[in-house]
Structure formats: C-alpha cells, structure tokens
Amino acid sequence: MLCLNCGYNTITRQRTLPGRAAIPAQRRDASREPPWYLTPYPYVGALLVVLALLYYLGRENRQFMLAFMGIAGLYYLATHILIAVYAFRHEGITYGLVTLCIPFVAFYYVLRVCDNDTLRVLYGLAVAIFILAKMAK
C-alpha cells in the first residue's frame, strides 16, 4: 500500500514523505535559495572594484589603463559568449548564431527576449564598462 522508497500511497494516490507530508515539493524547492557565494553578484562586484581601481590608476599610468582595457575586453567577450550559449540553448541554433555574430541582436535578445535577470545584469555591466572604456581613450 505504501512504498518505503518514495512514499507513494497507492490508495490515496499521493506521495508522502516522513516529516514533509504537508509541504508540497514545489514550495520546498522555491524557498531554498543558493548561498551568496554561489551567485555571480559577489564576483561581479569584485571585478567592478578591480576595474574601478585600474581605471583610476590608469589615468596617470598607461600600463594600468592597458590592464583595464584588457580585463574589460575579456569581461565583455565572456558575457557575449554567455549570451550566445543561452540563446543556443533556449532559442535554437539560428538565433544563437545570429546572437553570436551580431552584437546588436545580442543587445535586443537580452533586453526583449531573454528572461534571465542575471544575464541582464551581466550584460548591462558589460555595456557600461564598454562605454567607460570608449571614454577613456
């Protein structure tokens, strides 16, 4: 009548687990958030601190400005690749290729099509860093 492995009751046709019978599985999973260090925000914050420091020091020293430009370029490239991978997975190969090859389509994809807030934040910061790098020249 009751499965000891999964807790399925064949009479009531419901799954019950010891100690968790009253809590639906969806609510249990939604209430549990990952720890702060598993989210991208602290690492993006650390990157912004490093870039701000390099930008400030780069106004006086050309080598720091080159380091700023290199790290900013790598961040922009990595973010653009993340957008393309996300587009490949969720929209298909055609949209993924177009997003990879045309930056304006990636901009449109992030703003209008994509529903991932983390990707929006990462791309917004990449665009802001790109504008700052253009102003630094």
Protein backbone atom coordinates (compact mmCIF):
# COMPACT_ATOMS: atom_id res chain seq x y z
CA MET A 1 0.00 0.00 0.00
CA LEU A 2 2.85 2.45 0.84
CA CYS A 3 6.20 2.46 -0.95
CA LEU A 4 9.04 2.70 1.54
CA ASN A 5 11.46 4.23 -1.02
CA CYS A 6 9.42 7.12 -2.41
CA GLY A 7 6.45 7.34 -0.02
CA TYR A 8 3.77 6.81 -2.69
CA ASN A 9 0.40 5.68 -1.28
CA THR A 10 -1.45 3.51 -3.78
CA ILE A 11 -4.83 4.02 -2.09
CA THR A 12 -4.83 7.85 -1.90
CA ARG A 13 -2.55 8.15 -4.97
CA GLN A 14 -0.40 10.74 -3.21
CA ARG A 15 3.25 10.80 -2.38
CA THR A 16 4.04 11.41 1.27
CA LEU A 17 7.47 11.60 2.79
CA PRO A 18 8.06 11.25 6.51
CA GLY A 19 8.21 14.69 8.12
CA ARG A 20 7.44 16.50 4.85
CA ALA A 21 3.92 15.30 4.12
CA ALA A 22 2.27 18.70 4.50
CA ILE A 23 4.79 20.67 2.39
CA PRO A 24 4.40 20.41 -1.39
CA ALA A 25 7.61 19.75 -3.30
CA GLN A 26 7.36 22.99 -5.31
CA ARG A 27 7.25 25.18 -2.22
CA ARG A 28 10.15 23.32 -0.64
CA ASP A 29 12.40 23.93 -3.67
CA ALA A 30 11.35 27.55 -4.23
CA SER A 31 12.02 28.59 -0.64
CA ARG A 32 15.60 27.33 -0.73
CA GLU A 33 17.98 29.87 -2.28
CA PRO A 34 21.62 29.19 -3.08
CA PRO A 35 24.26 30.62 -0.75
CA TRP A 36 25.55 34.07 -1.65
CA TYR A 37 28.88 32.76 -2.87
CA LEU A 38 27.17 30.58 -5.49
CA THR A 39 25.56 33.61 -7.14
CA PRO A 40 27.53 35.69 -9.66
CA TYR A 41 26.95 39.01 -7.91
CA PRO A 42 29.86 38.99 -5.39
CA TYR A 43 32.31 38.09 -8.15
CA VAL A 44 30.97 40.75 -10.49
CA GLY A 45 31.24 43.22 -7.61
CA ALA A 46 34.87 42.26 -7.04
CA LEU A 47 35.54 42.64 -10.77
CA LEU A 48 33.99 46.11 -10.72
CA VAL A 49 36.19 47.11 -7.78
CA VAL A 50 39.31 45.91 -9.63
CA LEU A 51 38.23 47.68 -12.83
CA ALA A 52 37.47 50.91 -10.96
CA LEU A 53 40.90 50.78 -9.31
CA LEU A 54 42.63 50.11 -12.63
CA TYR A 55 40.69 52.91 -14.30
CA TYR A 56 41.59 55.35 -11.54
CA LEU A 57 45.26 54.37 -11.64
CA GLY A 58 45.18 54.27 -15.45
CA ARG A 59 44.50 57.98 -15.70
CA GLU A 60 48.08 58.54 -14.53
CA ASN A 61 49.85 55.44 -15.82
CA ARG A 62 49.41 53.95 -19.29
CA GLN A 63 50.15 50.38 -18.14
CA PHE A 64 47.23 50.40 -15.72
CA MET A 65 44.98 51.71 -18.48
CA LEU A 66 46.11 48.85 -20.73
CA ALA A 67 45.33 46.38 -17.93
CA PHE A 68 41.91 47.99 -17.53
CA MET A 69 41.25 47.71 -21.27
CA GLY A 70 42.38 44.07 -21.37
CA ILE A 71 40.26 42.95 -18.41
CA ALA A 72 37.27 44.94 -19.62
CA GLY A 73 37.60 43.37 -23.06
CA LEU A 74 37.78 39.87 -21.61
CA TYR A 75 34.71 40.52 -19.48
CA TYR A 76 32.76 41.82 -22.49
CA LEU A 77 33.82 38.81 -24.57
CA ALA A 78 32.88 36.33 -21.83
CA THR A 79 29.49 37.98 -21.36
CA HIS A 80 28.82 37.92 -25.09
CA ILE A 81 29.67 34.21 -25.19
CA LEU A 82 27.32 33.56 -22.25
CA ILE A 83 24.52 35.29 -24.16
CA ALA A 84 25.20 33.21 -27.26
CA VAL A 85 25.22 29.97 -25.24
CA TYR A 86 21.96 30.93 -23.56
CA ALA A 87 20.42 31.77 -26.95
CA PHE A 88 21.60 28.45 -28.41
CA ARG A 89 20.02 26.53 -25.53
CA HIS A 90 16.71 28.37 -25.34
CA GLU A 91 16.03 29.70 -28.85
CA GLY A 92 17.81 27.32 -31.20
CA ILE A 93 20.81 27.26 -33.47
CA THR A 94 19.74 30.05 -35.84
CA TYR A 95 19.08 32.60 -33.10
CA GLY A 96 22.25 31.52 -31.30
CA LEU A 97 24.41 32.07 -34.39
CA VAL A 98 22.86 35.45 -35.11
CA THR A 99 23.32 36.48 -31.48
CA LEU A 100 26.95 35.35 -31.61
CA CYS A 101 27.79 37.22 -34.81
CA ILE A 102 25.82 40.47 -34.49
CA PRO A 103 26.22 42.42 -31.23
CA PHE A 104 23.04 44.46 -31.77
CA VAL A 105 20.99 41.25 -31.89
CA ALA A 106 22.59 40.19 -28.60
CA PHE A 107 21.55 43.56 -27.13
CA TYR A 108 17.98 43.04 -28.37
CA TYR A 109 17.95 39.46 -27.13
CA VAL A 110 18.98 40.43 -23.62
CA LEU A 111 16.51 43.31 -23.39
CA ARG A 112 13.44 41.81 -25.06
CA VAL A 113 13.63 38.03 -25.43
CA CYS A 114 15.69 36.69 -22.54
CA ASP A 115 14.03 36.16 -19.15
CA ASN A 116 17.25 35.59 -17.17
CA ASP A 117 17.83 38.52 -14.81
CA THR A 118 21.42 37.51 -14.06
CA LEU A 119 22.25 37.65 -17.75
CA ARG A 120 20.66 41.09 -17.98
CA VAL A 121 22.77 42.38 -15.10
CA LEU A 122 25.98 40.91 -16.53
CA TYR A 123 25.31 42.37 -19.98
CA GLY A 124 24.29 45.75 -18.57
CA LEU A 125 27.57 45.94 -16.71
CA ALA A 126 29.45 44.85 -19.84
CA VAL A 127 27.84 47.67 -21.84
CA ALA A 128 28.61 50.19 -19.09
CA ILE A 129 32.25 49.04 -18.95
CA PHE A 130 32.46 49.22 -22.74
CA ILE A 131 31.17 52.83 -22.72
CA LEU A 132 33.63 53.72 -19.94
CA ALA A 133 36.47 52.16 -21.94
CA LYS A 134 35.48 54.21 -25.00
CA MET A 135 35.50 57.37 -22.90
CA ALA A 136 38.95 56.50 -21.54
CA LYS A 137 40.63 56.68 -24.95
